[in-house]
Amino acid sequence: MQNYNFDLDIVSRIQATRGTTRLMDQLDPATTAHVVIDLQAGFMREGALLEVPDARGIVPAVNAISKALRAAGGLVAFTRFAFLKDEPAYWNVFYSRFLDGKRAAAQMEAFSPGSPDLELWAGLDVGKADLVADKTRYSAFTHGTCDLDATLRARGIKTLIITGTMTNCCCESTARDAMQLGYDVIFASDATATLTAAEQKATLMNMAMLFAELATAAEIVAVLRAQVAAKSTIPASAEA
């Protein structure tokens, strides 16, 4: 594994726990989904309530992964963090107890249906066959708050590539739950973004130690392109 500027003792612990097996070496695009977490105007726009400035900078890497996976026969799915007034499982502990009243009201308004901030960022490459799933929690796999898990399972998806924002919140929450639900998870180290370098590093360390395999966008794209190239060299008779 790459160092990612982890302390040597952390690297040693990860290697001792996980050995040399790499998900990237076994990646099957047909059962892989690129899950792009919450790259919405409400996180990307300058001056937005939940602006993550560094998230704008990861868009080219996110788009490159999406393009490579589509070409290899995989699935791309986008999540949107949303506030749904009439949802059965209202998140009372968050909106009523975790947030200040004014902040809660502003966040509800920003991420309600019809709000411009709910929409996916205009710079994203969104294909006609891509999925868009709204979620009302940090994780896209919280039961009863998003239908992404059922949709992915119906399509035979087994591996997730996680990108998006915020690294240490919705990306991390989704990756943790996905792994515990039985998905293999690849966490893109340079195609996720949050507010500080310290928060980014802490999540990458947790992911590598316990929940996911880390890879750069370039590494992911290279593996997917190699899959396409290898398939194109197989004679038609051999595939029959």
C-alpha atoms as a PDB file:
ATOM      1  CA  MET A   1       0.000   0.000   0.000  1.00  0.00           C
ATOM      2  CA  GLN A   2       1.061   3.594  -0.416  1.00  0.00           C
ATOM      3  CA  ASN A   3       2.186   5.477   2.673  1.00  0.00           C
ATOM      4  CA  TYR A   4      -0.341   8.374   2.456  1.00  0.00           C
ATOM      5  CA  ASN A   5       1.949  10.078   5.003  1.00  0.00           C
ATOM      6  CA  PHE A   6       0.829   7.713   7.749  1.00  0.00           C
ATOM      7  CA  ASP A   7       3.188   7.104  10.655  1.00  0.00           C
ATOM      8  CA  LEU A   8       5.322   4.008  10.138  1.00  0.00           C
ATOM      9  CA  ASP A   9       3.662   2.166  12.991  1.00  0.00           C
ATOM     10  CA  ILE A  10       0.259   2.712  11.354  1.00  0.00           C
ATOM     11  CA  VAL A  11       1.558   1.419   8.025  1.00  0.00           C
ATOM     12  CA  SER A  12       3.007  -1.636   9.765  1.00  0.00           C
ATOM     13  CA  ARG A  13      -0.280  -2.355  11.541  1.00  0.00           C
ATOM     14  CA  ILE A  14      -2.255  -2.080   8.311  1.00  0.00           C
ATOM     15  CA  GLN A  15       0.145  -4.387   6.496  1.00  0.00           C
ATOM     16  CA  ALA A  16       0.137  -6.898   9.350  1.00  0.00           C
ATOM     17  CA  THR A  17      -3.656  -6.960   9.436  1.00  0.00           C
ATOM     18  CA  ARG A  18      -4.445  -6.963   5.735  1.00  0.00           C
ATOM     19  CA  GLY A  19      -1.426  -8.626   4.192  1.00  0.00           C
ATOM     20  CA  THR A  20      -0.722  -8.215   0.491  1.00  0.00           C
ATOM     21  CA  THR A  21      -4.195  -8.937  -0.925  1.00  0.00           C
ATOM     22  CA  ARG A  22      -5.495  -6.038  -3.023  1.00  0.00           C
ATOM     23  CA  LEU A  23      -9.080  -5.482  -4.128  1.00  0.00           C
ATOM     24  CA  MET A  24      -7.733  -3.517  -7.078  1.00  0.00           C
ATOM     25  CA  ASP A  25      -6.088  -6.666  -8.444  1.00  0.00           C
ATOM     26  CA  GLN A  26      -9.441  -8.475  -8.440  1.00  0.00           C
ATOM     27  CA  LEU A  27     -11.654  -5.634  -9.640  1.00  0.00           C
ATOM     28  CA  ASP A  28     -14.542  -6.731 -11.865  1.00  0.00           C
ATOM     29  CA  PRO A  29     -16.054  -3.647 -13.548  1.00  0.00           C
ATOM     30  CA  ALA A  30     -19.333  -5.471 -14.235  1.00  0.00           C
ATOM     31  CA  THR A  31     -20.006  -5.754 -10.502  1.00  0.00           C
ATOM     32  CA  THR A  32     -18.526  -2.383  -9.525  1.00  0.00           C
ATOM     33  CA  ALA A  33     -20.269   0.922  -8.858  1.00  0.00           C
ATOM     34  CA  HIS A  34     -18.663   4.333  -8.515  1.00  0.00           C
ATOM     35  CA  VAL A  35     -20.666   6.021  -5.751  1.00  0.00           C
ATOM     36  CA  VAL A  36     -20.186   9.797  -5.846  1.00  0.00           C
ATOM     37  CA  ILE A  37     -21.206  11.252  -2.516  1.00  0.00           C
ATOM     38  CA  ASP A  38     -23.024  14.590  -2.271  1.00  0.00           C
ATOM     39  CA  LEU A  39     -21.190  16.693  -4.845  1.00  0.00           C
ATOM     40  CA  GLN A  40     -24.070  19.147  -4.841  1.00  0.00           C
ATOM     41  CA  ALA A  41     -24.273  22.901  -5.187  1.00  0.00           C
ATOM     42  CA  GLY A  42     -24.937  23.153  -1.447  1.00  0.00           C
ATOM     43  CA  PHE A  43     -21.433  21.798  -0.766  1.00  0.00           C
ATOM     44  CA  MET A  44     -19.648  23.165  -3.840  1.00  0.00           C
ATOM     45  CA  ARG A  45     -20.949  26.664  -4.453  1.00  0.00           C
ATOM     46  CA  GLU A  46     -18.901  29.580  -3.136  1.00  0.00           C
ATOM     47  CA  GLY A  47     -20.708  30.942  -0.106  1.00  0.00           C
ATOM     48  CA  ALA A  48     -22.977  27.911   0.272  1.00  0.00           C
ATOM     49  CA  LEU A  49     -24.096  27.007   3.778  1.00  0.00           C
ATOM     50  CA  LEU A  50     -22.026  23.797   3.802  1.00  0.00           C
ATOM     51  CA  GLU A  51     -19.317  24.867   1.349  1.00  0.00           C
ATOM     52  CA  VAL A  52     -16.302  22.569   1.118  1.00  0.00           C
ATOM     53  CA  PRO A  53     -13.889  24.593  -1.054  1.00  0.00           C
ATOM     54  CA  ASP A  54     -11.576  21.663  -1.790  1.00  0.00           C
ATOM     55  CA  ALA A  55     -14.501  19.667  -3.190  1.00  0.00           C
ATOM     56  CA  ARG A  56     -14.442  21.759  -6.359  1.00  0.00           C
ATOM     57  CA  GLY A  57     -10.892  20.617  -6.989  1.00  0.00           C
ATOM     58  CA  ILE A  58     -11.668  16.894  -7.000  1.00  0.00           C
ATOM     59  CA  VAL A  59     -14.252  17.065  -9.792  1.00  0.00           C
ATOM     60  CA  PRO A  60     -11.803  16.203 -12.628  1.00  0.00           C
ATOM     61  CA  ALA A  61     -10.642  13.106 -10.735  1.00  0.00           C
ATOM     62  CA  VAL A  62     -14.231  12.070  -9.997  1.00  0.00           C
ATOM     63  CA  ASN A  63     -15.201  12.516 -13.638  1.00  0.00           C
ATOM     64  CA  ALA A  64     -12.173  10.501 -14.781  1.00  0.00           C
ATOM     65  CA  ILE A  65     -13.166   7.559 -12.582  1.00  0.00           C
ATOM     66  CA  SER A  66     -16.759   7.714 -13.829  1.00  0.00           C
ATOM     67  CA  LYS A  67     -15.652   7.798 -17.462  1.00  0.00           C
ATOM     68  CA  ALA A  68     -13.274   4.875 -17.022  1.00  0.00           C
ATOM     69  CA  LEU A  69     -15.809   2.737 -15.178  1.00  0.00           C
ATOM     70  CA  ARG A  70     -18.577   3.380 -17.707  1.00  0.00           C
ATOM     71  CA  ALA A  71     -16.204   2.377 -20.515  1.00  0.00           C
ATOM     72  CA  ALA A  72     -15.357  -0.810 -18.629  1.00  0.00           C
ATOM     73  CA  GLY A  73     -19.014  -1.730 -18.182  1.00  0.00           C
ATOM     74  CA  GLY A  74     -19.575  -0.594 -14.590  1.00  0.00           C
ATOM     75  CA  LEU A  75     -22.200   1.568 -12.915  1.00  0.00           C
ATOM     76  CA  VAL A  76     -22.024   5.185 -11.718  1.00  0.00           C
ATOM     77  CA  ALA A  77     -24.324   6.412  -8.942  1.00  0.00           C
ATOM     78  CA  PHE A  78     -24.627   9.876  -7.408  1.00  0.00           C
ATOM     79  CA  THR A  79     -26.075  10.581  -3.980  1.00  0.00           C
ATOM     80  CA  ARG A  80     -27.659  13.830  -2.886  1.00  0.00           C
ATOM     81  CA  PHE A  81     -28.020  14.814   0.755  1.00  0.00           C
ATOM     82  CA  ALA A  82     -31.641  15.902   1.114  1.00  0.00           C
ATOM     83  CA  PHE A  83     -34.148  17.152   3.647  1.00  0.00           C
ATOM     84  CA  LEU A  84     -37.544  15.561   3.059  1.00  0.00           C
ATOM     85  CA  LYS A  85     -40.162  17.176   5.279  1.00  0.00           C
ATOM     86  CA  ASP A  86     -42.591  14.262   5.232  1.00  0.00           C
ATOM     87  CA  GLU A  87     -40.184  11.335   5.442  1.00  0.00           C
ATOM     88  CA  PRO A  88     -41.385   8.634   7.864  1.00  0.00           C
ATOM     89  CA  ALA A  89     -38.046   8.458   9.695  1.00  0.00           C
ATOM     90  CA  TYR A  90     -37.579  12.150  10.541  1.00  0.00           C
ATOM     91  CA  TRP A  91     -34.047  12.814  11.845  1.00  0.00           C
ATOM     92  CA  ASN A  92     -35.163  14.549  15.022  1.00  0.00           C
ATOM     93  CA  VAL A  93     -31.913  14.075  16.929  1.00  0.00           C
ATOM     94  CA  PHE A  94     -30.031  15.948  14.199  1.00  0.00           C
ATOM     95  CA  TYR A  95     -32.366  18.796  13.287  1.00  0.00           C
ATOM     96  CA  SER A  96     -33.824  19.397  16.751  1.00  0.00           C
ATOM     97  CA  ARG A  97     -30.922  18.611  19.076  1.00  0.00           C
ATOM     98  CA  PHE A  98     -27.637  18.639  17.154  1.00  0.00           C
ATOM     99  CA  LEU A  99     -28.098  21.866  15.171  1.00  0.00           C
ATOM    100  CA  ASP A 100     -28.860  25.341  16.408  1.00  0.00           C
ATOM    101  CA  GLY A 101     -32.427  26.296  15.474  1.00  0.00           C
ATOM    102  CA  LYS A 102     -31.422  28.895  12.884  1.00  0.00           C
ATOM    103  CA  ARG A 103     -28.821  26.586  11.367  1.00  0.00           C
ATOM    104  CA  ALA A 104     -31.332  23.734  11.222  1.00  0.00           C
ATOM    105  CA  ALA A 105     -33.878  25.886   9.420  1.00  0.00           C
ATOM    106  CA  ALA A 106     -31.282  27.107   6.930  1.00  0.00           C
ATOM    107  CA  GLN A 107     -30.060  23.581   6.233  1.00  0.00           C
ATOM    108  CA  MET A 108     -33.587  22.251   5.780  1.00  0.00           C
ATOM    109  CA  GLU A 109     -34.291  24.998   3.252  1.00  0.00           C
ATOM    110  CA  ALA A 110     -31.010  24.513   1.389  1.00  0.00           C
ATOM    111  CA  PHE A 111     -31.498  20.788   0.845  1.00  0.00           C
ATOM    112  CA  SER A 112     -35.262  20.579   0.308  1.00  0.00           C
ATOM    113  CA  PRO A 113     -36.713  19.496  -3.067  1.00  0.00           C
ATOM    114  CA  GLY A 114     -36.730  22.422  -5.468  1.00  0.00           C
ATOM    115  CA  SER A 115     -33.750  24.159  -3.889  1.00  0.00           C
ATOM    116  CA  PRO A 116     -30.833  24.902  -6.249  1.00  0.00           C
ATOM    117  CA  ASP A 117     -28.400  23.723  -3.575  1.00  0.00           C
ATOM    118  CA  LEU A 118     -29.909  20.219  -3.649  1.00  0.00           C
ATOM    119  CA  GLU A 119     -28.843  19.767  -7.283  1.00  0.00           C
ATOM    120  CA  LEU A 120     -25.710  17.988  -8.436  1.00  0.00           C
ATOM    121  CA  TRP A 121     -22.755  20.258  -9.235  1.00  0.00           C
ATOM    122  CA  ALA A 122     -22.845  21.463 -12.824  1.00  0.00           C
ATOM    123  CA  GLY A 123     -19.246  20.385 -13.439  1.00  0.00           C
ATOM    124  CA  LEU A 124     -19.982  16.720 -12.853  1.00  0.00           C
ATOM    125  CA  ASP A 125     -20.111  14.335 -15.788  1.00  0.00           C
ATOM    126  CA  VAL A 126     -23.515  12.691 -15.318  1.00  0.00           C
ATOM    127  CA  GLY A 127     -24.469  10.053 -17.883  1.00  0.00           C
ATOM    128  CA  LYS A 128     -27.986   9.125 -18.986  1.00  0.00           C
ATOM    129  CA  ALA A 129     -27.663   5.648 -17.475  1.00  0.00           C
ATOM    130  CA  ASP A 130     -26.230   6.873 -14.160  1.00  0.00           C
ATOM    131  CA  LEU A 131     -28.238   6.597 -10.953  1.00  0.00           C
ATOM    132  CA  VAL A 132     -29.148   9.499  -8.674  1.00  0.00           C
ATOM    133  CA  ALA A 133     -30.274   8.604  -5.151  1.00  0.00           C
ATOM    134  CA  ASP A 134     -31.401  11.017  -2.462  1.00  0.00           C
ATOM    135  CA  LYS A 135     -30.434  10.209   1.123  1.00  0.00           C
ATOM    136  CA  THR A 136     -31.491  11.878   4.343  1.00  0.00           C
ATOM    137  CA  ARG A 137     -28.613  10.702   6.544  1.00  0.00           C
ATOM    138  CA  TYR A 138     -24.844  10.882   6.336  1.00  0.00           C
ATOM    139  CA  SER A 139     -24.692   7.288   5.097  1.00  0.00           C
ATOM    140  CA  ALA A 140     -26.363   6.167   1.889  1.00  0.00           C
ATOM    141  CA  PHE A 141     -26.957   2.795   3.579  1.00  0.00           C
ATOM    142  CA  THR A 142     -28.993   3.828   6.625  1.00  0.00           C
ATOM    143  CA  HIS A 143     -32.053   1.579   6.513  1.00  0.00           C
ATOM    144  CA  GLY A 144     -35.247   3.322   5.476  1.00  0.00           C
ATOM    145  CA  THR A 145     -33.598   6.578   4.397  1.00  0.00           C
ATOM    146  CA  CYS A 146     -32.209   5.748   0.938  1.00  0.00           C
ATOM    147  CA  ASP A 147     -32.933   3.051  -1.647  1.00  0.00           C
ATOM    148  CA  LEU A 148     -29.362   2.786  -2.962  1.00  0.00           C
ATOM    149  CA  ASP A 149     -28.535  -0.546  -1.302  1.00  0.00           C
ATOM    150  CA  ALA A 150     -31.541  -2.323  -2.817  1.00  0.00           C
ATOM    151  CA  THR A 151     -30.836  -0.813  -6.230  1.00  0.00           C
ATOM    152  CA  LEU A 152     -27.181  -1.860  -6.217  1.00  0.00           C
ATOM    153  CA  ARG A 153     -27.955  -5.395  -5.047  1.00  0.00           C
ATOM    154  CA  ALA A 154     -30.597  -5.785  -7.751  1.00  0.00           C
ATOM    155  CA  ARG A 155     -27.883  -4.981 -10.289  1.00  0.00           C
ATOM    156  CA  GLY A 156     -25.400  -7.444  -8.849  1.00  0.00           C
ATOM    157  CA  ILE A 157     -22.996  -4.820  -7.506  1.00  0.00           C
ATOM    158  CA  LYS A 158     -20.357  -6.162  -5.117  1.00  0.00           C
ATOM    159  CA  THR A 159     -17.631  -3.485  -5.110  1.00  0.00           C
ATOM    160  CA  LEU A 160     -17.962   0.250  -4.459  1.00  0.00           C
ATOM    161  CA  ILE A 161     -15.553   3.030  -5.359  1.00  0.00           C
ATOM    162  CA  ILE A 162     -16.272   5.942  -3.005  1.00  0.00           C
ATOM    163  CA  THR A 163     -15.589   9.560  -3.960  1.00  0.00           C
ATOM    164  CA  GLY A 164     -17.118  12.894  -2.990  1.00  0.00           C
ATOM    165  CA  THR A 165     -17.603  15.019   0.115  1.00  0.00           C
ATOM    166  CA  MET A 166     -17.242  15.281   3.039  1.00  0.00           C
ATOM    167  CA  THR A 167     -14.497  12.711   3.438  1.00  0.00           C
ATOM    168  CA  ASN A 168     -14.925  12.384   7.196  1.00  0.00           C
ATOM    169  CA  CYS A 169     -18.711  12.545   7.236  1.00  0.00           C
ATOM    170  CA  CYS A 170     -20.913  11.241   4.427  1.00  0.00           C
ATOM    171  CA  CYS A 171     -18.125   9.476   2.512  1.00  0.00           C
ATOM    172  CA  GLU A 172     -16.785   7.782   5.627  1.00  0.00           C
ATOM    173  CA  SER A 173     -20.251   6.900   6.952  1.00  0.00           C
ATOM    174  CA  THR A 174     -21.250   5.363   3.632  1.00  0.00           C
ATOM    175  CA  ALA A 175     -18.011   3.394   3.330  1.00  0.00           C
ATOM    176  CA  ARG A 176     -18.249   2.046   6.881  1.00  0.00           C
ATOM    177  CA  ASP A 177     -21.825   0.855   6.409  1.00  0.00           C
ATOM    178  CA  ALA A 178     -21.126  -0.552   2.947  1.00  0.00           C
ATOM    179  CA  MET A 179     -18.264  -2.702   4.197  1.00  0.00           C
ATOM    180  CA  GLN A 180     -20.366  -4.005   7.080  1.00  0.00           C
ATOM    181  CA  LEU A 181     -23.176  -4.835   4.649  1.00  0.00           C
ATOM    182  CA  GLY A 182     -20.778  -7.009   2.660  1.00  0.00           C
ATOM    183  CA  TYR A 183     -19.545  -4.732  -0.121  1.00  0.00           C
ATOM    184  CA  ASP A 184     -15.862  -4.500  -1.008  1.00  0.00           C
ATOM    185  CA  VAL A 185     -14.946  -0.818  -0.735  1.00  0.00           C
ATOM    186  CA  ILE A 186     -12.267   1.183  -2.537  1.00  0.00           C
ATOM    187  CA  PHE A 187     -11.895   4.677  -1.083  1.00  0.00           C
ATOM    188  CA  ALA A 188     -10.393   7.254  -3.440  1.00  0.00           C
ATOM    189  CA  SER A 189      -7.788   9.135  -1.423  1.00  0.00           C
ATOM    190  CA  ASP A 190      -7.528  12.130  -3.756  1.00  0.00           C
ATOM    191  CA  ALA A 191     -11.110  12.186  -5.058  1.00  0.00           C
ATOM    192  CA  THR A 192     -12.639  12.824  -1.647  1.00  0.00           C
ATOM    193  CA  ALA A 193     -12.573  16.205   0.057  1.00  0.00           C
ATOM    194  CA  THR A 194     -13.245  17.808   3.419  1.00  0.00           C
ATOM    195  CA  LEU A 195     -12.402  20.987   5.292  1.00  0.00           C
ATOM    196  CA  THR A 196      -8.918  20.295   6.671  1.00  0.00           C
ATOM    197  CA  ALA A 197      -5.920  18.108   5.932  1.00  0.00           C
ATOM    198  CA  ALA A 198      -6.094  16.670   9.453  1.00  0.00           C
ATOM    199  CA  GLU A 199      -9.653  15.437   8.945  1.00  0.00           C
ATOM    200  CA  GLN A 200      -8.769  13.989   5.541  1.00  0.00           C
ATOM    201  CA  LYS A 201      -5.787  12.083   6.909  1.00  0.00           C
ATOM    202  CA  ALA A 202      -7.686  10.751   9.919  1.00  0.00           C
ATOM    203  CA  THR A 203     -10.426   9.281   7.730  1.00  0.00           C
ATOM    204  CA  LEU A 204      -7.966   7.772   5.263  1.00  0.00           C
ATOM    205  CA  MET A 205      -6.209   6.095   8.177  1.00  0.00           C
ATOM    206  CA  ASN A 206      -9.476   4.679   9.514  1.00  0.00           C
ATOM    207  CA  MET A 207     -10.481   3.489   6.074  1.00  0.00           C
ATOM    208  CA  ALA A 208      -7.178   1.726   5.425  1.00  0.00           C
ATOM    209  CA  MET A 209      -7.094   0.174   8.864  1.00  0.00           C
ATOM    210  CA  LEU A 210     -10.648  -1.085   9.129  1.00  0.00           C
ATOM    211  CA  PHE A 211     -13.058  -0.490   6.265  1.00  0.00           C
ATOM    212  CA  ALA A 212     -11.661   0.005   2.768  1.00  0.00           C
ATOM    213  CA  GLU A 213      -8.752  -0.162   0.392  1.00  0.00           C
ATOM    214  CA  LEU A 214      -7.193   3.186  -0.461  1.00  0.00           C
ATOM    215  CA  ALA A 215      -6.334   4.087  -4.038  1.00  0.00           C
ATOM    216  CA  THR A 216      -5.684   7.264  -5.980  1.00  0.00           C
ATOM    217  CA  ALA A 217      -7.907   8.257  -8.859  1.00  0.00           C
ATOM    218  CA  ALA A 218      -5.030   7.601 -11.270  1.00  0.00           C
ATOM    219  CA  GLU A 219      -4.601   4.064  -9.917  1.00  0.00           C
ATOM    220  CA  ILE A 220      -8.305   3.329 -10.253  1.00  0.00           C
ATOM    221  CA  VAL A 221      -8.465   4.690 -13.795  1.00  0.00           C
ATOM    222  CA  ALA A 222      -5.359   2.726 -14.798  1.00  0.00           C
ATOM    223  CA  VAL A 223      -6.843  -0.561 -13.564  1.00  0.00           C
ATOM    224  CA  LEU A 224     -10.129   0.080 -15.364  1.00  0.00           C
ATOM    225  CA  ARG A 225      -8.413   1.034 -18.608  1.00  0.00           C
ATOM    226  CA  ALA A 226      -6.277  -2.098 -18.387  1.00  0.00           C
ATOM    227  CA  GLN A 227      -9.465  -4.150 -18.054  1.00  0.00           C
ATOM    228  CA  VAL A 228     -10.865  -2.587 -21.227  1.00  0.00           C
ATOM    229  CA  ALA A 229      -7.587  -3.069 -23.102  1.00  0.00           C
ATOM    230  CA  ALA A 230      -7.317  -6.703 -22.043  1.00  0.00           C
ATOM    231  CA  LYS A 231     -10.867  -7.460 -23.134  1.00  0.00           C
ATOM    232  CA  SER A 232     -10.334  -5.826 -26.508  1.00  0.00           C
ATOM    233  CA  THR A 233      -7.422  -8.178 -27.252  1.00  0.00           C
ATOM    234  CA  ILE A 234      -9.452 -11.360 -26.595  1.00  0.00           C
ATOM    235  CA  PRO A 235     -10.551 -12.943 -29.905  1.00  0.00           C
ATOM    236  CA  ALA A 236     -14.304 -13.153 -30.345  1.00  0.00           C
ATOM    237  CA  SER A 237     -14.074 -16.957 -30.553  1.00  0.00           C
ATOM    238  CA  ALA A 238     -12.435 -17.058 -27.110  1.00  0.00           C
ATOM    239  CA  GLU A 239     -15.285 -15.080 -25.560  1.00  0.00           C
ATOM    240  CA  ALA A 240     -17.964 -17.346 -27.017  1.00  0.00           C
END
